[in-house]
C-alpha atoms as a PDB file:
ATOM      1  CA  MET A   1      13.631  67.417 -68.904  1.00  0.00           C
ATOM      2  CA  ARG A   2      16.666  68.254 -67.308  1.00  0.00           C
ATOM      3  CA  CYS A   3      16.527  72.107 -68.426  1.00  0.00           C
ATOM      4  CA  LEU A   4      12.684  72.563 -67.341  1.00  0.00           C
ATOM      5  CA  LEU A   5      13.810  70.916 -63.805  1.00  0.00           C
ATOM      6  CA  LEU A   6      16.831  73.684 -63.358  1.00  0.00           C
ATOM      7  CA  SER A   7      14.338  76.339 -64.760  1.00  0.00           C
ATOM      8  CA  SER A   8      12.152  75.874 -62.414  1.00  0.00           C
ATOM      9  CA  VAL A   9      14.870  75.597 -59.388  1.00  0.00           C
ATOM     10  CA  LEU A  10      15.959  79.366 -60.681  1.00  0.00           C
ATOM     11  CA  LEU A  11      12.493  80.843 -60.829  1.00  0.00           C
ATOM     12  CA  PHE A  12      11.587  79.450 -57.027  1.00  0.00           C
ATOM     13  CA  LEU A  13      15.174  80.841 -55.398  1.00  0.00           C
ATOM     14  CA  SER A  14      14.720  84.017 -57.620  1.00  0.00           C
ATOM     15  CA  PHE A  15      11.271  84.348 -55.806  1.00  0.00           C
ATOM     16  CA  GLY A  16      12.063  83.663 -52.931  1.00  0.00           C
ATOM     17  CA  ILE A  17      14.685  86.080 -53.071  1.00  0.00           C
ATOM     18  CA  LEU A  18      12.843  89.197 -54.721  1.00  0.00           C
ATOM     19  CA  THR A  19       9.881  88.078 -52.037  1.00  0.00           C
ATOM     20  CA  THR A  20      12.582  88.402 -48.781  1.00  0.00           C
ATOM     21  CA  SER A  21      14.147  91.779 -50.476  1.00  0.00           C
ATOM     22  CA  SER A  22      10.825  93.308 -51.392  1.00  0.00           C
ATOM     23  CA  PHE A  23       8.764  92.535 -47.922  1.00  0.00           C
ATOM     24  CA  ALA A  24      11.876  93.121 -45.966  1.00  0.00           C
ATOM     25  CA  GLN A  25      12.031  96.864 -48.099  1.00  0.00           C
ATOM     26  CA  GLN A  26       8.433  97.361 -46.974  1.00  0.00           C
ATOM     27  CA  SER A  27       8.518  96.574 -43.457  1.00  0.00           C
ATOM     28  CA  ILE A  28      12.306  96.547 -42.171  1.00  0.00           C
ATOM     29  CA  GLY A  29      13.260 100.147 -43.665  1.00  0.00           C
ATOM     30  CA  THR A  30      12.312 101.588 -40.358  1.00  0.00           C
ATOM     31  CA  PRO A  31      12.089  99.563 -37.492  1.00  0.00           C
ATOM     32  CA  PRO A  32       8.635  98.238 -37.127  1.00  0.00           C
ATOM     33  CA  HIS A  33       6.853  98.501 -33.067  1.00  0.00           C
ATOM     34  CA  PRO A  34       3.456  96.954 -32.431  1.00  0.00           C
ATOM     35  CA  PRO A  35       0.411  98.579 -32.562  1.00  0.00           C
ATOM     36  CA  GLU A  36      -0.664 101.148 -30.390  1.00  0.00           C
ATOM     37  CA  HIS A  37      -3.161  98.807 -28.754  1.00  0.00           C
ATOM     38  CA  LEU A  38      -0.605  96.136 -28.100  1.00  0.00           C
ATOM     39  CA  THR A  39       2.474  97.394 -25.880  1.00  0.00           C
ATOM     40  CA  GLY A  40       3.217  94.097 -23.737  1.00  0.00           C
ATOM     41  CA  LEU A  41       2.145  90.571 -23.296  1.00  0.00           C
ATOM     42  CA  THR A  42      -1.678  90.062 -21.635  1.00  0.00           C
ATOM     43  CA  GLN A  43      -1.842  87.754 -19.239  1.00  0.00           C
ATOM     44  CA  SER A  44      -4.249  85.630 -21.755  1.00  0.00           C
ATOM     45  CA  VAL A  45      -1.616  85.712 -24.222  1.00  0.00           C
ATOM     46  CA  LEU A  46       0.843  84.868 -21.261  1.00  0.00           C
ATOM     47  CA  SER A  47      -1.705  81.909 -20.273  1.00  0.00           C
ATOM     48  CA  THR A  48      -2.644  80.499 -23.213  1.00  0.00           C
ATOM     49  CA  GLU A  49      -1.267  76.449 -23.216  1.00  0.00           C
ATOM     50  CA  LEU A  50       0.671  76.361 -26.702  1.00  0.00           C
ATOM     51  CA  ARG A  51       1.140  72.903 -28.129  1.00  0.00           C
ATOM     52  CA  SER A  52       5.026  71.989 -28.218  1.00  0.00           C
ATOM     53  CA  ALA A  53       6.622  70.063 -31.202  1.00  0.00           C
ATOM     54  CA  ARG A  54       8.594  68.159 -28.406  1.00  0.00           C
ATOM     55  CA  GLY A  55       6.179  66.930 -26.683  1.00  0.00           C
ATOM     56  CA  ARG A  56       4.592  68.818 -23.460  1.00  0.00           C
ATOM     57  CA  SER A  57       2.915  72.249 -24.008  1.00  0.00           C
ATOM     58  CA  PHE A  58       4.107  75.152 -22.355  1.00  0.00           C
ATOM     59  CA  ARG A  59       3.284  78.691 -21.963  1.00  0.00           C
ATOM     60  CA  LEU A  60       4.741  82.163 -22.592  1.00  0.00           C
ATOM     61  CA  ALA A  61       4.375  82.866 -18.635  1.00  0.00           C
ATOM     62  CA  ASP A  62       7.160  79.621 -18.126  1.00  0.00           C
ATOM     63  CA  HIS A  63       9.718  82.501 -19.402  1.00  0.00           C
ATOM     64  CA  SER A  64       8.291  84.822 -17.013  1.00  0.00           C
ATOM     65  CA  GLY A  65      11.338  87.686 -15.978  1.00  0.00           C
ATOM     66  CA  GLN A  66      13.350  86.587 -18.765  1.00  0.00           C
ATOM     67  CA  VAL A  67      13.524  88.316 -22.409  1.00  0.00           C
ATOM     68  CA  LEU A  68      11.436  86.458 -24.854  1.00  0.00           C
ATOM     69  CA  VAL A  69      11.690  86.295 -28.891  1.00  0.00           C
ATOM     70  CA  ILE A  70       8.755  84.941 -30.310  1.00  0.00           C
ATOM     71  CA  HIS A  71       9.144  84.189 -33.831  1.00  0.00           C
ATOM     72  CA  LEU A  72       5.777  83.165 -35.928  1.00  0.00           C
ATOM     73  CA  PHE A  73       6.893  81.110 -38.997  1.00  0.00           C
ATOM     74  CA  ALA A  74       5.731  78.240 -41.331  1.00  0.00           C
ATOM     75  CA  THR A  75       7.762  75.658 -43.155  1.00  0.00           C
ATOM     76  CA  TRP A  76       6.407  76.567 -46.439  1.00  0.00           C
ATOM     77  CA  CYS A  77       7.607  80.392 -46.001  1.00  0.00           C
ATOM     78  CA  GLY A  78      10.774  81.264 -48.176  1.00  0.00           C
ATOM     79  CA  PRO A  79      12.286  84.052 -45.408  1.00  0.00           C
ATOM     80  CA  CYS A  80      11.113  81.777 -42.522  1.00  0.00           C
ATOM     81  CA  HIS A  81      14.085  79.332 -43.865  1.00  0.00           C
ATOM     82  CA  PHE A  82      16.783  82.367 -44.074  1.00  0.00           C
ATOM     83  CA  GLU A  83      15.820  83.733 -40.276  1.00  0.00           C
ATOM     84  CA  THR A  84      15.756  80.112 -38.891  1.00  0.00           C
ATOM     85  CA  PRO A  85      19.386  79.903 -38.593  1.00  0.00           C
ATOM     86  CA  ALA A  86      19.645  83.692 -37.774  1.00  0.00           C
ATOM     87  CA  LEU A  87      17.692  82.813 -34.876  1.00  0.00           C
ATOM     88  CA  VAL A  88      19.442  79.739 -33.878  1.00  0.00           C
ATOM     89  CA  ARG A  89      23.052  81.649 -33.794  1.00  0.00           C
ATOM     90  CA  LEU A  90      21.391  84.561 -31.668  1.00  0.00           C
ATOM     91  CA  HIS A  91      20.035  81.495 -29.333  1.00  0.00           C
ATOM     92  CA  LYS A  92      23.777  80.677 -28.703  1.00  0.00           C
ATOM     93  CA  GLN A  93      24.732  83.763 -28.540  1.00  0.00           C
ATOM     94  CA  PHE A  94      22.147  85.354 -25.519  1.00  0.00           C
ATOM     95  CA  ARG A  95      20.870  81.955 -23.758  1.00  0.00           C
ATOM     96  CA  SER A  96      23.296  82.803 -20.719  1.00  0.00           C
ATOM     97  CA  LYS A  97      21.919  86.176 -20.409  1.00  0.00           C
ATOM     98  CA  LYS A  98      18.475  84.665 -19.815  1.00  0.00           C
ATOM     99  CA  VAL A  99      17.026  85.185 -23.249  1.00  0.00           C
ATOM    100  CA  ARG A 100      14.529  82.487 -24.900  1.00  0.00           C
ATOM    101  CA  ILE A 101      13.329  82.304 -28.383  1.00  0.00           C
ATOM    102  CA  VAL A 102       9.903  80.628 -28.570  1.00  0.00           C
ATOM    103  CA  ALA A 103       9.274  79.672 -32.509  1.00  0.00           C
ATOM    104  CA  LEU A 104       5.615  79.306 -33.353  1.00  0.00           C
ATOM    105  CA  SER A 105       4.091  77.698 -36.250  1.00  0.00           C
ATOM    106  CA  THR A 106       0.857  78.987 -37.671  1.00  0.00           C
ATOM    107  CA  GLU A 107       0.270  75.956 -40.032  1.00  0.00           C
ATOM    108  CA  ASP A 108      -2.292  73.222 -38.473  1.00  0.00           C
ATOM    109  CA  PRO A 109      -0.529  70.970 -35.934  1.00  0.00           C
ATOM    110  CA  ASP A 110      -1.829  67.645 -36.845  1.00  0.00           C
ATOM    111  CA  ALA A 111      -1.177  68.505 -40.770  1.00  0.00           C
ATOM    112  CA  SER A 112       2.240  69.868 -39.850  1.00  0.00           C
ATOM    113  CA  ASN A 113       3.870  67.944 -37.514  1.00  0.00           C
ATOM    114  CA  VAL A 114       6.190  65.935 -39.497  1.00  0.00           C
ATOM    115  CA  LEU A 115       7.224  68.988 -41.517  1.00  0.00           C
ATOM    116  CA  VAL A 116       7.655  70.862 -38.292  1.00  0.00           C
ATOM    117  CA  ARG A 117       9.773  68.248 -36.679  1.00  0.00           C
ATOM    118  CA  ARG A 118      11.905  67.836 -39.864  1.00  0.00           C
ATOM    119  CA  TRP A 119      12.851  71.911 -39.839  1.00  0.00           C
ATOM    120  CA  ILE A 120      13.833  71.297 -36.231  1.00  0.00           C
ATOM    121  CA  ARG A 121      16.227  68.387 -37.525  1.00  0.00           C
ATOM    122  CA  THR A 122      17.051  70.484 -40.617  1.00  0.00           C
ATOM    123  CA  TYR A 123      18.222  73.882 -38.719  1.00  0.00           C
ATOM    124  CA  ALA A 124      19.476  72.006 -35.618  1.00  0.00           C
ATOM    125  CA  VAL A 125      16.892  74.014 -33.871  1.00  0.00           C
ATOM    126  CA  PRO A 126      17.881  74.042 -29.847  1.00  0.00           C
ATOM    127  CA  TYR A 127      14.880  76.546 -28.846  1.00  0.00           C
ATOM    128  CA  ARG A 128      11.074  75.734 -27.920  1.00  0.00           C
ATOM    129  CA  VAL A 129       9.065  75.093 -30.852  1.00  0.00           C
ATOM    130  CA  GLY A 130       5.354  74.992 -30.939  1.00  0.00           C
ATOM    131  CA  TRP A 131       1.853  76.206 -32.770  1.00  0.00           C
ATOM    132  CA  ALA A 132      -0.127  79.148 -32.599  1.00  0.00           C
ATOM    133  CA  PRO A 133      -3.619  78.811 -31.923  1.00  0.00           C
ATOM    134  CA  ASP A 134      -5.833  80.986 -35.004  1.00  0.00           C
ATOM    135  CA  GLU A 135      -6.666  83.529 -31.680  1.00  0.00           C
ATOM    136  CA  PHE A 136      -3.602  83.656 -29.944  1.00  0.00           C
ATOM    137  CA  ALA A 137      -1.894  84.821 -33.736  1.00  0.00           C
ATOM    138  CA  LEU A 138      -4.558  87.323 -34.468  1.00  0.00           C
ATOM    139  CA  THR A 139      -3.695  88.971 -30.948  1.00  0.00           C
ATOM    140  CA  LEU A 140       0.024  89.022 -31.100  1.00  0.00           C
ATOM    141  CA  PHE A 141       0.310  89.198 -34.804  1.00  0.00           C
ATOM    142  CA  ARG A 142      -0.607  90.718 -38.210  1.00  0.00           C
ATOM    143  CA  GLU A 143      -2.986  88.104 -39.961  1.00  0.00           C
ATOM    144  CA  GLY A 144      -1.443  86.103 -42.744  1.00  0.00           C
ATOM    145  CA  ILE A 145       2.137  87.699 -42.428  1.00  0.00           C
ATOM    146  CA  THR A 146       4.879  85.448 -41.670  1.00  0.00           C
ATOM    147  CA  PRO A 147       7.660  85.534 -40.500  1.00  0.00           C
ATOM    148  CA  GLN A 148       7.167  87.759 -37.979  1.00  0.00           C
ATOM    149  CA  THR A 149       9.086  88.167 -34.713  1.00  0.00           C
ATOM    150  CA  LEU A 150       8.676  90.140 -31.353  1.00  0.00           C
ATOM    151  CA  ILE A 151      11.280  90.738 -29.141  1.00  0.00           C
ATOM    152  CA  ILE A 152       9.579  91.442 -25.320  1.00  0.00           C
ATOM    153  CA  SER A 153      11.381  92.909 -22.324  1.00  0.00           C
ATOM    154  CA  ARG A 154      11.476  91.140 -18.632  1.00  0.00           C
ATOM    155  CA  SER A 155       8.768  92.901 -18.249  1.00  0.00           C
ATOM    156  CA  GLY A 156       6.711  91.976 -20.867  1.00  0.00           C
ATOM    157  CA  ARG A 157       6.913  95.176 -23.154  1.00  0.00           C
ATOM    158  CA  ILE A 158       6.602  94.415 -26.768  1.00  0.00           C
ATOM    159  CA  VAL A 159      10.355  96.140 -27.585  1.00  0.00           C
ATOM    160  CA  ARG A 160      10.429  95.552 -31.394  1.00  0.00           C
ATOM    161  CA  ARG A 161       8.349  93.566 -34.068  1.00  0.00           C
ATOM    162  CA  PHE A 162      10.012  92.511 -37.229  1.00  0.00           C
ATOM    163  CA  ILE A 163       8.096  91.856 -40.291  1.00  0.00           C
ATOM    164  CA  GLY A 164       9.613  90.071 -43.151  1.00  0.00           C
ATOM    165  CA  TYR A 165      13.043  89.007 -43.192  1.00  0.00           C
ATOM    166  CA  SER A 166      16.165  90.573 -44.918  1.00  0.00           C
ATOM    167  CA  THR A 167      19.020  88.680 -45.338  1.00  0.00           C
ATOM    168  CA  ALA A 168      21.038  92.436 -45.357  1.00  0.00           C
ATOM    169  CA  LYS A 169      19.372  93.876 -41.854  1.00  0.00           C
ATOM    170  CA  THR A 170      17.393  91.926 -39.952  1.00  0.00           C
ATOM    171  CA  ALA A 171      19.773  89.867 -37.757  1.00  0.00           C
ATOM    172  CA  ALA A 172      21.279  92.790 -36.982  1.00  0.00           C
ATOM    173  CA  GLN A 173      18.198  94.652 -36.142  1.00  0.00           C
ATOM    174  CA  LEU A 174      17.592  91.938 -33.934  1.00  0.00           C
ATOM    175  CA  LYS A 175      20.749  91.732 -31.883  1.00  0.00           C
ATOM    176  CA  VAL A 176      20.316  95.545 -31.442  1.00  0.00           C
ATOM    177  CA  ALA A 177      16.474  94.775 -29.910  1.00  0.00           C
ATOM    178  CA  ILE A 178      17.687  91.777 -27.738  1.00  0.00           C
ATOM    179  CA  LYS A 179      20.154  94.331 -26.476  1.00  0.00           C
ATOM    180  CA  GLU A 180      17.739  97.060 -25.580  1.00  0.00           C
ATOM    181  CA  ALA A 181      15.504  94.313 -23.715  1.00  0.00           C
ATOM    182  CA  LEU A 182      18.334  93.275 -21.699  1.00  0.00           C
ATOM    183  CA  ASN A 183      18.661  96.638 -20.981  1.00  0.00           C
ATOM    184  CA  GLU A 184      15.381  98.029 -20.004  1.00  0.00           C
ATOM    185  CA  LYS A 185      16.534  98.096 -16.085  1.00  0.00           C
ATOM    186  CA  LEU A 186      19.100 100.833 -17.343  1.00  0.00           C
ATOM    187  CA  ILE A 187      17.652 102.744 -19.509  1.00  0.00           C
ATOM    188  CA  ALA A 188      14.295 103.103 -17.406  1.00  0.00           C
ATOM    189  CA  HIS A 189      16.303 104.460 -14.432  1.00  0.00           C
ATOM    190  CA  GLN A 190      18.776 107.015 -16.538  1.00  0.00           C
END
């Protein structure tokens, strides 16, 4: 019985690592950018009321004028378990520079409420966490793929889109993209 359990755990971990690595190679080898039709946040996306895991609903418009990192995740997503601690570290590093992270679950809010709250406690997530309504998720993200992360400049321009997660590359690439978004005014004036 112990051998079967140990084999199952090793198989699960191997699958998670392989999935993360192959997925990351497909999508992160060259830094992904948003689709041509979507280069910034629309008013409808900004004004969508999002259900919060901590109570009061919120809108992305609440973060106007700040660099915004929008992270689409699911509690069942293997790579999301690796990316969340990296996002917590980035939050601590960039919070004082008006960078805000918002994590949105793709799961049904009622069915996943307990799981998402446990996720927040497990990873000590200090930033906003909520749920992405279907229409909202379809507007911003490629359907059916988690994790996905968008880096949005102060002006609302999508600076970078990350699909999947590579433990070797993504955290560093997220940091570079956040710095690019923070320096957008300097780049625009040069």
